[in-house]
C-alpha atoms as a PDB file:
ATOM      1  CA  MET A   1     -76.108 -35.627 -16.736  1.00  0.00           C
ATOM      2  CA  ALA A   2     -76.820 -34.008 -13.340  1.00  0.00           C
ATOM      3  CA  ASP A   3     -80.562 -34.173 -14.084  1.00  0.00           C
ATOM      4  CA  VAL A   4     -80.489 -37.854 -15.099  1.00  0.00           C
ATOM      5  CA  LEU A   5     -78.456 -38.705 -11.886  1.00  0.00           C
ATOM      6  CA  ASP A   6     -80.530 -36.255  -9.722  1.00  0.00           C
ATOM      7  CA  LEU A   7     -77.263 -34.673  -8.492  1.00  0.00           C
ATOM      8  CA  ASN A   8     -75.729 -31.144  -8.259  1.00  0.00           C
ATOM      9  CA  VAL A   9     -73.493 -30.172 -11.121  1.00  0.00           C
ATOM     10  CA  SER A  10     -70.742 -29.645  -8.746  1.00  0.00           C
ATOM     11  CA  ASP A  11     -70.827 -33.360  -7.818  1.00  0.00           C
ATOM     12  CA  LEU A  12     -69.910 -34.349 -11.408  1.00  0.00           C
ATOM     13  CA  THR A  13     -66.232 -34.329 -11.440  1.00  0.00           C
ATOM     14  CA  ASP A  14     -64.048 -36.325 -13.885  1.00  0.00           C
ATOM     15  CA  ASP A  15     -62.699 -38.515 -11.048  1.00  0.00           C
ATOM     16  CA  ALA A  16     -66.045 -39.272  -9.174  1.00  0.00           C
ATOM     17  CA  HIS A  17     -66.740 -42.912  -9.486  1.00  0.00           C
ATOM     18  CA  PHE A  18     -70.176 -43.612 -10.662  1.00  0.00           C
ATOM     19  CA  VAL A  19     -71.065 -46.365  -8.207  1.00  0.00           C
ATOM     20  CA  ALA A  20     -68.915 -45.566  -5.175  1.00  0.00           C
ATOM     21  CA  ASP A  21     -69.182 -41.688  -5.301  1.00  0.00           C
ATOM     22  CA  LEU A  22     -72.544 -41.092  -7.018  1.00  0.00           C
ATOM     23  CA  GLY A  23     -74.565 -44.087  -6.260  1.00  0.00           C
ATOM     24  CA  MET A  24     -75.364 -44.918  -9.810  1.00  0.00           C
ATOM     25  CA  ASP A  25     -77.150 -48.144 -10.351  1.00  0.00           C
ATOM     26  CA  SER A  26     -77.829 -50.162 -13.654  1.00  0.00           C
ATOM     27  CA  LEU A  27     -81.030 -48.274 -14.276  1.00  0.00           C
ATOM     28  CA  LYS A  28     -79.322 -44.805 -14.005  1.00  0.00           C
ATOM     29  CA  ALA A  29     -76.452 -46.080 -16.179  1.00  0.00           C
ATOM     30  CA  LEU A  30     -79.047 -47.137 -18.867  1.00  0.00           C
ATOM     31  CA  GLU A  31     -80.551 -43.523 -18.605  1.00  0.00           C
ATOM     32  CA  VAL A  32     -77.191 -41.922 -18.902  1.00  0.00           C
ATOM     33  CA  MET A  33     -76.416 -44.115 -22.052  1.00  0.00           C
ATOM     34  CA  VAL A  34     -79.701 -43.142 -23.691  1.00  0.00           C
ATOM     35  CA  ALA A  35     -79.203 -39.401 -22.924  1.00  0.00           C
ATOM     36  CA  LEU A  36     -75.687 -39.497 -24.336  1.00  0.00           C
ATOM     37  CA  GLU A  37     -76.902 -41.401 -27.407  1.00  0.00           C
ATOM     38  CA  LYS A  38     -79.600 -38.886 -28.115  1.00  0.00           C
ATOM     39  CA  LYS A  39     -77.488 -35.758 -27.414  1.00  0.00           C
ATOM     40  CA  TYR A  40     -74.470 -36.883 -29.530  1.00  0.00           C
ATOM     41  CA  GLU A  41     -76.156 -39.108 -32.051  1.00  0.00           C
ATOM     42  CA  ILE A  42     -73.977 -42.076 -31.334  1.00  0.00           C
ATOM     43  CA  LYS A  43     -74.625 -45.749 -30.311  1.00  0.00           C
ATOM     44  CA  ILE A  44     -73.091 -47.069 -27.044  1.00  0.00           C
ATOM     45  CA  THR A  45     -72.942 -50.806 -26.409  1.00  0.00           C
ATOM     46  CA  GLU A  46     -73.786 -52.454 -23.130  1.00  0.00           C
ATOM     47  CA  ASP A  47     -70.057 -53.463 -22.767  1.00  0.00           C
ATOM     48  CA  GLU A  48     -68.905 -49.733 -23.176  1.00  0.00           C
ATOM     49  CA  VAL A  49     -71.457 -48.742 -20.438  1.00  0.00           C
ATOM     50  CA  ARG A  50     -70.027 -51.374 -18.078  1.00  0.00           C
ATOM     51  CA  ASP A  51     -66.453 -49.997 -18.805  1.00  0.00           C
ATOM     52  CA  MET A  52     -67.418 -46.407 -18.044  1.00  0.00           C
ATOM     53  CA  THR A  53     -66.682 -45.766 -14.271  1.00  0.00           C
ATOM     54  CA  ASN A  54     -66.319 -41.974 -14.181  1.00  0.00           C
ATOM     55  CA  PHE A  55     -66.897 -38.846 -16.339  1.00  0.00           C
ATOM     56  CA  GLY A  56     -63.344 -39.017 -17.714  1.00  0.00           C
ATOM     57  CA  ASP A  57     -64.306 -42.534 -19.217  1.00  0.00           C
ATOM     58  CA  VAL A  58     -67.455 -41.030 -20.713  1.00  0.00           C
ATOM     59  CA  ARG A  59     -65.637 -37.972 -22.270  1.00  0.00           C
ATOM     60  CA  GLU A  60     -63.128 -40.340 -23.878  1.00  0.00           C
ATOM     61  CA  LEU A  61     -65.766 -42.621 -25.258  1.00  0.00           C
ATOM     62  CA  VAL A  62     -67.935 -39.860 -26.642  1.00  0.00           C
ATOM     63  CA  ALA A  63     -64.906 -38.062 -28.114  1.00  0.00           C
ATOM     64  CA  ALA A  64     -63.881 -41.383 -29.878  1.00  0.00           C
ATOM     65  CA  LYS A  65     -67.280 -42.053 -31.193  1.00  0.00           C
ATOM     66  CA  ILE A  66     -67.834 -38.517 -32.610  1.00  0.00           C
ATOM     67  CA  ALA A  67     -64.384 -38.274 -34.033  1.00  0.00           C
END
């Protein structure tokens, strides 16, 4: 995730807001989605991507999909 977002790992906290704190745009969100789908062999919809605002949301979504 840090590589995709071009950030330090220490910046990636559960509460860091993707847009406000990390400067994520729609292209980066798409890259994150693709990376998650490949790593965890899951499918994420565009609506689910829009609903993810921080890493806590990502963790919950991935956990639900692989369960």
